[in-house]
Amino acid sequence: MLKYASFADFYPFYLSEHSRPATRRLHFLGSSLGLVCLLLLVLSGNLGPDDVPVSVVRSLFTQGEVIGASVGSIKEAASGEKADYWGIGPLNGSATKLDAGPSLGIAGFRQIVAQAGGRPCIAIGGVRPEDVRPVLEAGGAGVAVVSGILASEDVEAAVRKYLVPSTEYRVPSTEN
């Protein structure tokens, strides 16, 4: 692999490798698509263990963007150290993300929350209405639900099943 001390040293090599206009256009298109994908990943707000590392994304964006990390095991917790919040799961398996890994259950969720260093933790993956209180009692800040609501014929009724009166639980503070 060649190494260059500066862009000025590199640029003649780049031009020789991209001497045809079509090659330059393809390179520009490929680079642009890569940047768009990175931007979309960041705008989606949550990075998985196989995505760009949170530390890299954090170094690119310094205007207070909220960056989350998906954490599915104690081992994956280290990859989320620089994230603002963690999506922890799958709690009970996931019908919408088949490669999400093994179910954690409330006990596994609690173990990972204990590693979060005060970050808000959201339970994801197969969350049922009866899981909401145990998630909050385990230190979770809330739940993320897709199928449990959208697969219902009565979406409003499904949402109501997940609600917990705000007087029962206080969302953990994100201030240090």
C-alpha atoms as a PDB file:
ATOM      1  CA  MET A   1       0.000   0.000   0.000  1.00  0.00           C
ATOM      2  CA  LEU A   2       1.340   3.418  -0.972  1.00  0.00           C
ATOM      3  CA  LYS A   3       1.518   6.203   1.571  1.00  0.00           C
ATOM      4  CA  TYR A   4       1.603   9.897   0.820  1.00  0.00           C
ATOM      5  CA  ALA A   5       2.791  12.693   3.081  1.00  0.00           C
ATOM      6  CA  SER A   6       0.255  15.200   1.778  1.00  0.00           C
ATOM      7  CA  PHE A   7      -2.668  15.646  -0.540  1.00  0.00           C
ATOM      8  CA  ALA A   8      -0.302  17.403  -2.986  1.00  0.00           C
ATOM      9  CA  ASP A   9       1.777  14.214  -3.138  1.00  0.00           C
ATOM     10  CA  PHE A  10      -1.294  12.023  -3.504  1.00  0.00           C
ATOM     11  CA  TYR A  11      -3.187  14.047  -6.133  1.00  0.00           C
ATOM     12  CA  PRO A  12      -0.994  13.181  -9.180  1.00  0.00           C
ATOM     13  CA  PHE A  13      -1.424   9.480  -8.351  1.00  0.00           C
ATOM     14  CA  TYR A  14      -5.169   9.978  -7.993  1.00  0.00           C
ATOM     15  CA  LEU A  15      -5.340  11.700 -11.399  1.00  0.00           C
ATOM     16  CA  SER A  16      -3.363   8.915 -13.076  1.00  0.00           C
ATOM     17  CA  GLU A  17      -5.715   6.308 -11.603  1.00  0.00           C
ATOM     18  CA  HIS A  18      -8.759   8.342 -12.638  1.00  0.00           C
ATOM     19  CA  SER A  19      -7.600   9.703 -15.988  1.00  0.00           C
ATOM     20  CA  ARG A  20     -10.796   8.797 -17.817  1.00  0.00           C
ATOM     21  CA  PRO A  21     -13.748  11.146 -17.159  1.00  0.00           C
ATOM     22  CA  ALA A  22     -16.086   8.171 -16.680  1.00  0.00           C
ATOM     23  CA  THR A  23     -13.793   6.754 -13.973  1.00  0.00           C
ATOM     24  CA  ARG A  24     -13.763  10.100 -12.131  1.00  0.00           C
ATOM     25  CA  ARG A  25     -17.550  10.316 -12.305  1.00  0.00           C
ATOM     26  CA  LEU A  26     -17.908   6.776 -10.937  1.00  0.00           C
ATOM     27  CA  HIS A  27     -15.449   7.532  -8.141  1.00  0.00           C
ATOM     28  CA  PHE A  28     -17.306  10.724  -7.279  1.00  0.00           C
ATOM     29  CA  LEU A  29     -20.618   8.850  -7.319  1.00  0.00           C
ATOM     30  CA  GLY A  30     -19.255   6.056  -5.130  1.00  0.00           C
ATOM     31  CA  SER A  31     -17.709   8.478  -2.637  1.00  0.00           C
ATOM     32  CA  SER A  32     -20.883  10.549  -2.544  1.00  0.00           C
ATOM     33  CA  LEU A  33     -23.040   7.479  -1.920  1.00  0.00           C
ATOM     34  CA  GLY A  34     -20.722   6.451   0.909  1.00  0.00           C
ATOM     35  CA  LEU A  35     -21.079   9.868   2.523  1.00  0.00           C
ATOM     36  CA  VAL A  36     -24.857   9.834   2.056  1.00  0.00           C
ATOM     37  CA  CYS A  37     -25.047   6.402   3.709  1.00  0.00           C
ATOM     38  CA  LEU A  38     -22.958   7.646   6.636  1.00  0.00           C
ATOM     39  CA  LEU A  39     -25.179  10.716   6.955  1.00  0.00           C
ATOM     40  CA  LEU A  40     -28.340   8.599   6.881  1.00  0.00           C
ATOM     41  CA  LEU A  41     -26.852   6.301   9.486  1.00  0.00           C
ATOM     42  CA  VAL A  42     -26.174   9.249  11.765  1.00  0.00           C
ATOM     43  CA  LEU A  43     -29.549  10.847  11.115  1.00  0.00           C
ATOM     44  CA  SER A  44     -31.219   7.573  11.998  1.00  0.00           C
ATOM     45  CA  GLY A  45     -29.666   8.180  15.401  1.00  0.00           C
ATOM     46  CA  ASN A  46     -28.774   4.650  16.384  1.00  0.00           C
ATOM     47  CA  LEU A  47     -25.648   2.675  15.581  1.00  0.00           C
ATOM     48  CA  GLY A  48     -25.425  -1.091  15.816  1.00  0.00           C
ATOM     49  CA  PRO A  49     -22.355  -3.095  16.806  1.00  0.00           C
ATOM     50  CA  ASP A  50     -21.609  -3.811  13.124  1.00  0.00           C
ATOM     51  CA  ASP A  51     -22.026  -0.163  12.035  1.00  0.00           C
ATOM     52  CA  VAL A  52     -19.491   2.637  12.011  1.00  0.00           C
ATOM     53  CA  PRO A  53     -18.129   2.936  15.571  1.00  0.00           C
ATOM     54  CA  VAL A  54     -19.860   5.543  17.734  1.00  0.00           C
ATOM     55  CA  SER A  55     -16.480   7.156  18.478  1.00  0.00           C
ATOM     56  CA  VAL A  56     -15.892   7.746  14.743  1.00  0.00           C
ATOM     57  CA  VAL A  57     -19.344   9.242  14.209  1.00  0.00           C
ATOM     58  CA  ARG A  58     -18.945  11.356  17.348  1.00  0.00           C
ATOM     59  CA  SER A  59     -15.670  12.772  15.983  1.00  0.00           C
ATOM     60  CA  LEU A  60     -17.366  13.757  12.706  1.00  0.00           C
ATOM     61  CA  PHE A  61     -20.326  15.546  14.261  1.00  0.00           C
ATOM     62  CA  THR A  62     -19.685  17.913  17.147  1.00  0.00           C
ATOM     63  CA  GLN A  63     -22.788  20.076  17.252  1.00  0.00           C
ATOM     64  CA  GLY A  64     -24.555  18.164  20.018  1.00  0.00           C
ATOM     65  CA  GLU A  65     -26.126  15.464  17.856  1.00  0.00           C
ATOM     66  CA  VAL A  66     -27.797  12.696  19.842  1.00  0.00           C
ATOM     67  CA  ILE A  67     -26.209   9.373  18.956  1.00  0.00           C
ATOM     68  CA  GLY A  68     -27.540   6.056  20.166  1.00  0.00           C
ATOM     69  CA  ALA A  69     -26.021   2.611  20.160  1.00  0.00           C
ATOM     70  CA  SER A  70     -27.695  -0.781  19.879  1.00  0.00           C
ATOM     71  CA  VAL A  71     -26.436  -3.071  22.619  1.00  0.00           C
ATOM     72  CA  GLY A  72     -27.401  -6.727  22.732  1.00  0.00           C
ATOM     73  CA  SER A  73     -24.849  -8.109  25.189  1.00  0.00           C
ATOM     74  CA  ILE A  74     -22.357  -7.081  27.846  1.00  0.00           C
ATOM     75  CA  LYS A  75     -19.620  -7.536  25.217  1.00  0.00           C
ATOM     76  CA  GLU A  76     -21.329  -5.032  22.893  1.00  0.00           C
ATOM     77  CA  ALA A  77     -21.616  -2.451  25.679  1.00  0.00           C
ATOM     78  CA  ALA A  78     -18.050  -1.279  25.078  1.00  0.00           C
ATOM     79  CA  SER A  79     -18.928  -0.251  21.509  1.00  0.00           C
ATOM     80  CA  GLY A  80     -21.580   2.098  22.889  1.00  0.00           C
ATOM     81  CA  GLU A  81     -19.401   3.921  25.423  1.00  0.00           C
ATOM     82  CA  LYS A  82     -19.557   7.239  23.588  1.00  0.00           C
ATOM     83  CA  ALA A  83     -23.276   7.037  22.773  1.00  0.00           C
ATOM     84  CA  ASP A  84     -25.897   9.253  24.402  1.00  0.00           C
ATOM     85  CA  TYR A  85     -28.393   6.424  24.861  1.00  0.00           C
ATOM     86  CA  TRP A  86     -28.584   2.667  24.359  1.00  0.00           C
ATOM     87  CA  GLY A  87     -31.241   0.613  22.614  1.00  0.00           C
ATOM     88  CA  ILE A  88     -30.970  -2.710  24.446  1.00  0.00           C
ATOM     89  CA  GLY A  89     -32.367  -5.877  22.961  1.00  0.00           C
ATOM     90  CA  PRO A  90     -33.885  -7.894  21.717  1.00  0.00           C
ATOM     91  CA  LEU A  91     -35.865  -8.163  24.902  1.00  0.00           C
ATOM     92  CA  ASN A  92     -38.028 -11.074  23.695  1.00  0.00           C
ATOM     93  CA  GLY A  93     -36.893 -11.690  20.141  1.00  0.00           C
ATOM     94  CA  SER A  94     -37.941  -9.564  17.218  1.00  0.00           C
ATOM     95  CA  ALA A  95     -40.323 -10.249  14.377  1.00  0.00           C
ATOM     96  CA  THR A  96     -39.019  -7.199  12.478  1.00  0.00           C
ATOM     97  CA  LYS A  97     -35.255  -7.820  12.846  1.00  0.00           C
ATOM     98  CA  LEU A  98     -34.462 -11.493  12.534  1.00  0.00           C
ATOM     99  CA  ASP A  99     -30.695 -11.063  13.003  1.00  0.00           C
ATOM    100  CA  ALA A 100     -31.066  -9.212  16.305  1.00  0.00           C
ATOM    101  CA  GLY A 101     -29.476 -11.940  18.404  1.00  0.00           C
ATOM    102  CA  PRO A 102     -30.751 -13.994  21.339  1.00  0.00           C
ATOM    103  CA  SER A 103     -33.490 -12.714  23.627  1.00  0.00           C
ATOM    104  CA  LEU A 104     -32.199 -11.008  26.762  1.00  0.00           C
ATOM    105  CA  GLY A 105     -35.295 -11.093  28.935  1.00  0.00           C
ATOM    106  CA  ILE A 106     -35.650  -8.654  31.817  1.00  0.00           C
ATOM    107  CA  ALA A 107     -32.652 -10.122  33.682  1.00  0.00           C
ATOM    108  CA  GLY A 108     -30.325  -9.622  30.696  1.00  0.00           C
ATOM    109  CA  PHE A 109     -31.733  -6.152  30.108  1.00  0.00           C
ATOM    110  CA  ARG A 110     -31.046  -5.259  33.758  1.00  0.00           C
ATOM    111  CA  GLN A 111     -27.431  -6.494  33.502  1.00  0.00           C
ATOM    112  CA  ILE A 112     -26.742  -4.303  30.483  1.00  0.00           C
ATOM    113  CA  VAL A 113     -28.466  -1.264  32.041  1.00  0.00           C
ATOM    114  CA  ALA A 114     -26.059  -1.657  34.973  1.00  0.00           C
ATOM    115  CA  GLN A 115     -23.177  -1.176  32.495  1.00  0.00           C
ATOM    116  CA  ALA A 116     -24.702   1.929  30.883  1.00  0.00           C
ATOM    117  CA  GLY A 117     -23.122   4.475  33.213  1.00  0.00           C
ATOM    118  CA  GLY A 118     -26.345   6.435  33.622  1.00  0.00           C
ATOM    119  CA  ARG A 119     -27.222   6.601  29.925  1.00  0.00           C
ATOM    120  CA  PRO A 120     -30.915   6.273  29.143  1.00  0.00           C
ATOM    121  CA  CYS A 121     -31.649   2.701  28.026  1.00  0.00           C
ATOM    122  CA  ILE A 122     -34.569   1.752  25.809  1.00  0.00           C
ATOM    123  CA  ALA A 123     -35.791  -1.847  25.562  1.00  0.00           C
ATOM    124  CA  ILE A 124     -36.241  -2.976  21.954  1.00  0.00           C
ATOM    125  CA  GLY A 125     -37.224  -6.182  20.210  1.00  0.00           C
ATOM    126  CA  GLY A 126     -40.418  -8.086  20.882  1.00  0.00           C
ATOM    127  CA  VAL A 127     -41.528  -5.785  23.695  1.00  0.00           C
ATOM    128  CA  ARG A 128     -45.005  -6.701  24.977  1.00  0.00           C
ATOM    129  CA  PRO A 129     -47.312  -4.486  27.057  1.00  0.00           C
ATOM    130  CA  GLU A 130     -46.624  -6.607  30.158  1.00  0.00           C
ATOM    131  CA  ASP A 131     -42.890  -5.865  29.757  1.00  0.00           C
ATOM    132  CA  VAL A 132     -43.168  -2.097  30.236  1.00  0.00           C
ATOM    133  CA  ARG A 133     -43.282  -2.012  34.047  1.00  0.00           C
ATOM    134  CA  PRO A 134     -40.469  -4.576  34.500  1.00  0.00           C
ATOM    135  CA  VAL A 135     -38.311  -2.634  32.001  1.00  0.00           C
ATOM    136  CA  LEU A 136     -38.851   0.591  33.938  1.00  0.00           C
ATOM    137  CA  GLU A 137     -38.230  -1.184  37.245  1.00  0.00           C
ATOM    138  CA  ALA A 138     -34.950  -2.548  35.796  1.00  0.00           C
ATOM    139  CA  GLY A 139     -33.778   1.019  35.177  1.00  0.00           C
ATOM    140  CA  GLY A 140     -34.933   1.422  31.593  1.00  0.00           C
ATOM    141  CA  ALA A 141     -36.025   4.843  30.346  1.00  0.00           C
ATOM    142  CA  GLY A 142     -38.685   3.356  28.079  1.00  0.00           C
ATOM    143  CA  VAL A 143     -39.517   0.924  25.310  1.00  0.00           C
ATOM    144  CA  ALA A 144     -39.463   1.007  21.512  1.00  0.00           C
ATOM    145  CA  VAL A 145     -42.286  -0.910  19.858  1.00  0.00           C
ATOM    146  CA  VAL A 146     -43.047  -1.622  16.206  1.00  0.00           C
ATOM    147  CA  SER A 147     -44.967  -4.858  15.608  1.00  0.00           C
ATOM    148  CA  GLY A 148     -46.799  -4.747  18.932  1.00  0.00           C
ATOM    149  CA  ILE A 149     -48.533  -1.600  17.748  1.00  0.00           C
ATOM    150  CA  LEU A 150     -48.475  -1.548  13.956  1.00  0.00           C
ATOM    151  CA  ALA A 151     -49.588  -5.169  13.574  1.00  0.00           C
ATOM    152  CA  SER A 152     -52.736  -4.414  15.551  1.00  0.00           C
ATOM    153  CA  GLU A 153     -56.046  -3.732  13.862  1.00  0.00           C
ATOM    154  CA  ASP A 154     -56.693  -1.000  16.451  1.00  0.00           C
ATOM    155  CA  VAL A 155     -53.454   0.968  16.715  1.00  0.00           C
ATOM    156  CA  GLU A 156     -54.802   3.395  19.317  1.00  0.00           C
ATOM    157  CA  ALA A 157     -55.895   0.554  21.599  1.00  0.00           C
ATOM    158  CA  ALA A 158     -52.505  -1.121  21.122  1.00  0.00           C
ATOM    159  CA  VAL A 159     -50.677   2.080  22.118  1.00  0.00           C
ATOM    160  CA  ARG A 160     -52.842   2.413  25.244  1.00  0.00           C
ATOM    161  CA  LYS A 161     -51.750  -1.073  26.356  1.00  0.00           C
ATOM    162  CA  TYR A 162     -48.137   0.134  26.449  1.00  0.00           C
ATOM    163  CA  LEU A 163     -48.783   3.320  28.397  1.00  0.00           C
ATOM    164  CA  VAL A 164     -47.790   3.602  32.035  1.00  0.00           C
ATOM    165  CA  PRO A 165     -49.086   6.587  33.998  1.00  0.00           C
ATOM    166  CA  SER A 166     -46.292   9.156  34.182  1.00  0.00           C
ATOM    167  CA  THR A 167     -46.861   9.512  37.922  1.00  0.00           C
ATOM    168  CA  GLU A 168     -45.614   5.946  38.465  1.00  0.00           C
ATOM    169  CA  TYR A 169     -42.133   6.320  36.947  1.00  0.00           C
ATOM    170  CA  ARG A 170     -39.695   9.137  36.390  1.00  0.00           C
ATOM    171  CA  VAL A 171     -37.489   9.035  33.298  1.00  0.00           C
ATOM    172  CA  PRO A 172     -33.841   8.929  34.407  1.00  0.00           C
ATOM    173  CA  SER A 173     -31.999  12.233  34.013  1.00  0.00           C
ATOM    174  CA  THR A 174     -29.383  12.464  31.273  1.00  0.00           C
ATOM    175  CA  GLU A 175     -27.557  15.279  33.084  1.00  0.00           C
ATOM    176  CA  ASN A 176     -24.261  14.399  34.734  1.00  0.00           C
END
